[in-house]
Protein backbone atom coordinates (compact mmCIF):
# COMPACT_ATOMS: atom_id res chain seq x y z
CA MET A 1 40.61 122.11 155.00
CA ARG A 2 43.08 121.84 152.03
CA LYS A 3 42.55 123.18 148.68
CA ALA A 4 44.47 122.90 145.20
CA LEU A 5 44.33 125.05 141.96
CA VAL A 6 45.44 122.57 139.04
CA VAL A 7 46.03 124.35 135.56
CA GLY A 8 47.37 122.91 132.39
CA ILE A 9 47.41 124.77 129.16
CA ASN A 10 48.00 123.14 125.98
CA ASN A 11 46.17 125.31 123.74
CA TYR A 12 48.16 128.10 122.74
CA PRO A 13 47.38 129.94 119.10
CA SER A 14 50.89 130.46 118.15
CA SER A 15 53.10 127.74 119.99
CA PRO A 16 50.88 124.79 121.37
CA LEU A 17 52.03 122.50 123.96
CA PHE A 18 51.25 118.77 123.93
CA GLY A 19 51.86 117.66 127.55
CA CYS A 20 50.63 120.22 129.91
CA ILE A 21 47.08 118.88 130.21
CA ASN A 22 48.52 115.39 130.96
CA ASP A 23 50.75 116.75 133.91
CA ALA A 24 48.09 118.93 135.22
CA SER A 25 45.35 115.95 135.34
CA ALA A 26 48.23 113.34 136.70
CA PHE A 27 48.85 115.88 139.38
CA GLY A 28 45.56 116.57 140.62
CA ASN A 29 44.54 112.94 140.61
CA ILE A 30 47.46 112.06 142.65
CA ILE A 31 47.60 114.65 145.17
CA GLU A 32 43.63 114.64 145.77
CA THR A 33 44.19 111.43 148.24
CA ASN A 34 46.86 109.99 150.39
CA GLY A 35 48.72 106.86 149.67
CA ASP A 36 45.82 105.07 152.00
CA GLY A 37 42.85 106.39 149.74
CA ALA A 38 41.88 109.16 152.36
CA ARG A 39 40.97 112.17 150.74
CA ASN A 40 44.06 114.90 150.75
CA PHE A 41 43.27 117.96 148.76
CA ASP A 42 40.11 119.48 147.56
CA VAL A 43 41.23 119.83 143.85
CA VAL A 44 40.06 122.24 141.08
CA LEU A 45 41.31 120.93 137.77
CA LYS A 46 41.22 123.63 135.05
CA THR A 47 42.76 122.98 131.40
CA ASP A 48 43.22 125.44 128.53
CA VAL A 49 42.01 128.29 130.78
CA PRO A 50 41.39 130.96 128.13
CA THR A 51 42.02 134.44 129.28
CA LYS A 52 44.26 136.34 131.83
CA SER A 53 41.23 137.39 133.72
CA GLU A 54 39.43 133.79 134.20
CA LEU A 55 42.94 132.50 135.61
CA LYS A 56 43.76 135.24 137.92
CA SER A 57 40.45 135.10 139.17
CA LEU A 58 41.09 131.58 139.92
CA ILE A 59 43.93 132.23 141.59
CA VAL A 60 42.62 135.03 143.97
CA LYS A 61 39.91 132.58 144.77
CA LEU A 62 42.36 130.01 145.72
CA PHE A 63 44.08 132.11 148.19
CA GLU A 64 41.14 133.48 149.62
CA GLY A 65 39.90 132.52 153.05
CA ASP A 66 41.66 130.62 155.96
CA CYS A 67 42.44 127.28 155.48
CA ASP A 68 45.59 124.98 156.52
CA THR A 69 46.90 124.72 152.87
CA SER A 70 46.46 126.46 149.53
CA LEU A 71 48.43 124.81 146.65
CA PHE A 72 48.95 126.16 143.21
CA TYR A 73 50.12 124.13 140.28
CA PHE A 74 50.71 125.45 136.65
CA SER A 75 51.80 123.48 133.44
CA GLY A 76 51.83 125.71 130.43
CA HIS A 77 54.09 128.53 128.99
CA GLY A 78 56.21 130.80 130.98
CA PHE A 79 57.61 134.03 129.73
CA ILE A 80 59.96 137.06 131.17
CA ASN A 81 60.81 140.50 130.10
CA GLU A 82 62.27 143.91 131.35
CA PHE A 83 58.95 143.74 133.87
CA GLY A 84 59.29 140.23 135.35
CA GLY A 85 57.87 136.83 134.91
CA TYR A 86 54.68 135.65 133.69
CA ILE A 87 52.41 132.20 133.43
CA VAL A 88 51.23 132.72 129.90
CA THR A 89 47.52 132.65 128.87
CA PRO A 90 46.31 131.65 125.61
CA ASP A 91 44.87 135.51 125.05
CA HIS A 92 48.32 136.67 125.42
CA LYS A 93 49.52 139.92 123.91
CA GLN A 94 53.01 141.95 123.92
CA TYR A 95 53.26 143.34 127.20
CA ASP A 96 50.26 141.62 128.48
CA GLU A 97 51.55 137.98 128.27
CA GLY A 98 49.57 136.49 131.12
CA VAL A 99 49.16 136.57 135.04
CA SER A 100 52.14 138.38 136.56
CA MET A 101 54.38 135.91 138.88
CA ASP A 102 54.73 138.76 141.13
CA ASP A 103 51.05 139.00 141.32
CA ILE A 104 50.75 135.34 142.24
CA LEU A 105 53.22 136.22 144.84
CA GLN A 106 51.48 138.93 146.45
CA ALA A 107 48.22 136.99 146.47
CA ALA A 108 49.70 134.33 148.32
CA THR A 109 51.61 136.76 150.64
CA GLU A 110 48.34 138.18 151.75
CA SER A 111 46.31 134.81 152.11
CA LYS A 112 45.61 133.87 155.52
CA ALA A 113 46.05 129.96 154.69
CA LYS A 114 48.79 128.81 156.75
CA ASN A 115 50.65 127.31 154.27
CA LYS A 116 50.91 128.35 150.52
CA VAL A 117 52.55 126.21 148.31
CA ILE A 118 53.38 127.45 144.37
CA ILE A 119 54.57 124.85 141.84
CA LEU A 120 55.30 125.91 138.40
CA ASP A 121 56.43 124.03 135.55
CA CYS A 122 57.24 126.44 132.77
CA CYS A 123 59.85 128.20 131.35
CA ASN A 124 61.49 131.20 133.24
CA SER A 125 59.45 130.03 136.27
CA GLY A 126 62.57 130.65 138.73
CA ALA A 127 61.89 134.22 138.30
CA LEU A 128 58.92 133.90 140.72
CA GLY A 129 59.86 135.00 144.13
CA SER A 130 62.48 137.41 142.58
CA PRO A 131 60.51 140.42 141.66
CA LYS A 132 61.88 143.02 139.35
CA ILE A 133 61.02 145.76 141.39
CA THR A 134 64.07 144.82 143.46
CA GLY A 135 66.11 144.16 140.13
CA GLY A 136 65.47 140.53 140.50
CA LYS A 137 68.08 140.29 143.38
CA THR A 138 65.87 140.20 146.54
CA ALA A 139 63.18 137.51 147.20
CA HIS A 140 60.32 138.96 149.19
CA ILE A 141 58.49 135.56 150.11
CA GLY A 142 55.97 135.95 152.90
CA GLU A 143 55.69 133.64 155.80
CA GLY A 144 54.23 130.09 155.20
CA ILE A 145 55.16 130.31 151.38
CA SER A 146 56.94 127.53 149.70
CA ILE A 147 57.90 127.85 145.95
CA LEU A 148 59.33 125.06 143.77
CA THR A 149 59.74 125.66 140.30
CA ALA A 150 60.66 123.71 137.21
CA SER A 151 63.83 125.83 136.12
CA ARG A 152 65.90 129.03 136.74
CA GLU A 153 64.41 132.24 135.50
CA ASN A 154 66.68 132.32 132.46
CA GLU A 155 65.65 128.54 131.56
CA ALA A 156 63.40 126.51 129.57
CA SER A 157 61.29 123.86 130.98
CA LEU A 158 61.17 120.56 128.73
CA GLU A 159 58.73 118.10 127.62
CA ILE A 160 59.49 114.49 127.02
CA ASN A 161 57.20 111.44 126.43
CA GLY A 162 53.82 113.68 126.97
CA HIS A 163 55.10 115.16 130.25
CA GLY A 164 57.41 117.85 131.49
CA VAL A 165 60.65 116.53 132.62
CA PHE A 166 60.17 118.55 135.77
CA THR A 167 56.54 117.07 136.47
CA ASN A 168 57.55 113.72 135.31
CA LEU A 169 59.79 113.63 138.35
CA LEU A 170 57.39 115.28 140.59
CA LEU A 171 54.95 112.70 139.78
CA ASP A 172 57.48 110.04 141.20
CA ALA A 173 58.24 112.06 143.93
CA ILE A 174 54.50 112.50 145.29
CA ARG A 175 53.89 108.70 144.69
CA GLY A 176 56.26 107.96 147.36
CA GLY A 177 59.80 108.78 145.94
CA ALA A 178 60.06 111.53 148.27
CA ALA A 179 58.38 110.07 151.33
CA ASP A 180 60.56 109.90 154.61
CA LEU A 181 60.34 107.08 157.05
CA ARG A 182 57.12 107.92 158.39
CA GLY A 183 55.35 108.31 154.76
CA HIS A 184 55.50 112.35 154.74
CA ILE A 185 56.12 114.16 151.64
CA THR A 186 57.33 117.71 152.04
CA PRO A 187 58.16 120.70 149.24
CA GLY A 188 61.61 120.10 150.61
CA SER A 189 61.82 116.54 149.84
CA ILE A 190 60.31 117.02 146.85
CA TYR A 191 62.81 119.33 145.70
CA ALA A 192 65.60 117.20 146.91
CA TYR A 193 64.21 114.01 144.97
CA ILE A 194 63.92 116.29 141.67
CA ASP A 195 67.37 118.00 142.17
CA GLN A 196 69.21 114.63 142.78
CA ALA A 197 67.52 113.02 139.62
CA LEU A 198 68.66 115.97 137.28
CA GLY A 199 72.23 116.12 136.30
CA PRO A 200 74.21 119.31 136.07
CA TRP A 201 73.61 119.80 132.07
CA ASP A 202 69.86 119.72 132.66
CA GLN A 203 67.37 122.52 133.58
CA ARG A 204 67.81 123.03 137.15
CA PRO A 205 64.75 123.18 139.90
CA VAL A 206 64.56 126.00 142.03
CA PHE A 207 63.28 125.90 145.57
CA LYS A 208 62.44 129.19 147.96
CA THR A 209 60.76 129.00 150.88
CA ASN A 210 59.76 130.99 154.21
CA ILE A 211 58.37 128.39 156.88
CA THR A 212 59.32 127.45 160.13
CA LYS A 213 58.17 124.02 159.84
CA PHE A 214 57.29 121.83 156.50
CA THR A 215 53.98 121.06 155.81
CA SER A 216 53.37 117.29 154.17
CA LEU A 217 51.81 117.76 150.93
CA ARG A 218 50.81 113.83 150.66
CA THR A 219 51.26 110.89 152.98
CA VAL A 220 52.00 107.11 151.94
CA MET A 221 52.29 103.95 153.58
CA PRO A 222 55.70 104.38 155.31
CA GLN A 223 58.72 101.91 154.58
CA VAL A 224 58.57 100.78 158.21
CA PRO A 225 55.24 100.50 160.24
CA ILE A 226 54.69 103.44 162.39
CA GLU A 227 54.22 100.89 165.63
CA VAL A 228 57.60 99.40 164.56
CA LEU A 229 59.54 102.73 164.55
CA ARG A 230 58.12 103.35 167.99
CA LYS A 231 59.97 100.51 169.47
CA LEU A 232 63.28 102.17 168.65
CA THR A 233 63.08 103.39 172.42
CA GLU A 234 62.40 99.98 173.56
CA TYR A 235 65.10 98.10 171.90
CA PHE A 236 67.82 100.82 172.66
CA PRO A 237 67.07 102.50 175.72
CA THR A 238 69.73 105.10 175.07
CA PRO A 239 71.02 105.98 171.48
CA GLN A 240 74.24 104.55 172.63
CA ASP A 241 73.02 101.03 173.76
CA GLU A 242 73.47 98.20 171.54
CA PHE A 243 70.93 95.42 171.20
CA ALA A 244 72.53 91.98 171.80
CA LEU A 245 71.54 89.22 169.48
CA ASP A 246 71.95 85.37 169.79
CA PRO A 247 71.00 82.43 167.75
CA SER A 248 67.56 82.50 168.94
CA PHE A 249 66.72 85.55 167.15
CA GLU A 250 67.05 83.59 163.62
CA ASP A 251 64.05 81.85 162.49
CA THR A 252 65.57 79.55 160.20
CA ASN A 253 67.68 78.33 163.09
CA ALA A 254 65.09 75.57 164.03
CA PRO A 255 64.85 71.66 164.11
CA LEU A 256 62.40 71.91 161.29
CA ILE A 257 64.88 73.86 158.62
CA ASP A 258 67.34 70.94 157.16
CA HIS A 259 70.61 72.97 157.87
CA LYS A 260 73.14 72.86 160.77
CA ILE A 261 71.59 74.72 163.77
CA ILE A 262 72.78 76.32 167.20
CA GLU A 263 71.44 76.30 170.36
CA PRO A 264 69.38 78.58 171.59
CA TYR A 265 67.01 77.45 169.00
CA ALA A 266 64.57 80.42 167.24
CA LYS A 267 62.22 81.61 169.90
CA PRO A 268 58.99 83.05 168.49
CA GLU A 269 59.05 86.35 170.55
CA ASN A 270 62.67 86.70 169.56
CA VAL A 271 62.33 86.11 166.02
CA ALA A 272 59.47 88.79 165.88
CA VAL A 273 61.75 91.26 167.44
CA PHE A 274 64.60 90.33 165.24
CA LYS A 275 62.30 90.97 162.01
CA HIS A 276 61.70 94.70 163.36
CA LEU A 277 65.27 95.18 163.58
CA GLN A 278 65.95 93.76 160.07
CA LYS A 279 63.09 96.12 158.97
CA MET A 280 64.98 99.12 160.42
CA GLN A 281 68.21 97.86 159.12
CA GLY A 282 67.01 97.71 155.33
CA VAL A 283 66.34 101.46 155.65
CA GLY A 284 69.41 102.64 157.49
CA LEU A 285 68.21 102.90 161.00
CA VAL A 286 70.39 99.98 162.78
CA VAL A 287 73.76 98.30 161.59
CA PRO A 288 74.86 94.98 162.73
CA VAL A 289 78.29 95.07 164.77
CA ASN A 290 81.33 93.32 163.60
CA GLU A 291 79.38 91.86 160.88
CA GLN A 292 78.08 92.40 157.40
CA PHE A 293 75.00 90.95 157.81
CA MET A 294 72.42 90.86 160.41
CA TYR A 295 71.86 86.95 159.79
CA PHE A 296 75.54 86.64 160.95
CA ALA A 297 75.29 88.96 163.80
CA ALA A 298 72.57 86.72 165.58
CA MET A 299 74.17 83.46 164.33
CA ASN A 300 77.47 84.53 165.97
CA SER A 301 75.83 86.16 168.75
CA LYS A 302 77.01 89.65 168.10
CA SER A 303 74.73 92.92 168.62
CA CYS A 304 73.52 95.46 166.34
CA LYS A 305 73.47 99.49 166.88
CA LEU A 306 71.69 102.70 165.76
CA THR A 307 73.10 104.84 162.88
CA ALA A 308 73.05 108.37 163.07
CA LEU A 309 69.90 108.18 161.31
CA GLY A 310 68.52 105.86 163.66
CA TYR A 311 69.28 108.01 166.42
CA HIS A 312 67.36 110.98 164.65
CA TYR A 313 64.34 109.01 164.42
CA TRP A 314 64.92 107.54 168.12
CA ARG A 315 64.84 111.10 169.32
CA LEU A 316 61.77 111.64 167.48
CA VAL A 317 59.99 108.55 169.17
CA LYS A 318 61.49 109.49 172.37
CA GLU A 319 59.91 113.35 172.01
CA LYS A 320 56.54 111.66 170.83
CA ARG A 321 56.59 113.53 167.48
CA ILE A 322 56.26 109.85 166.10
């Protein structure tokens, strides 16, 4: 069981926002299913939650019970004062601005869910995970918790074109931009994707975690089919082996093609293997030896070999983790 509470608040009486409901709706719609349409998260989408009490009740309910993953996403105003950070609700008053980030962290820490993921797109969101009780210097993050925030605790979180800058990149990441070669998207890969997309002068995302294993937040169709990835150990019995090629692996090297051909002519079984190797080369797992392109490696009877990334995935296949 995987459940997600997704909240977006625009309707602040004194300082309304315009992109937060868009953010929450888009995030909830994407995270609800995987790339193949299979159900992913049971999503509760709440917009313009009017009071601190209601929002805190929703958060407490999210982290209740024993489930695989509980995910909390918030887009709205954030605030920080001498007592800590807050996600702001429309009924905010001085020194009662909304739900304390420390309280959110405590609810996640006490939760029996195996994985707890908190994503905040609000100003000062980086304060989550650094309680003021320690002077903000020590992060008290319980086991199984991952925190991803739009900005550091002293930074604003900006909107552009109807979405928060952070969530715009987050949406691209979970659509597939942050997927590994198996199609898995994790909090760590999302952070890496967003971090690389933002320049040094932009707001800086923050990632904090205390886990022994990343959980996949969403899966998409892998860049290389899993059944092809599993052939790595078949084509390369050891990571140091090279796979010998010759012209019979190139499908255009056939009498029906009007250009110079070389014996041995294309063989269907070799062509099928070569297409697999070309897919692997396209994602950085394999490189031709002493040639720039795989085509010439085949036509000149050279070979191909694993890259360092290829060795990593070769090991995953060997250990039956793929």
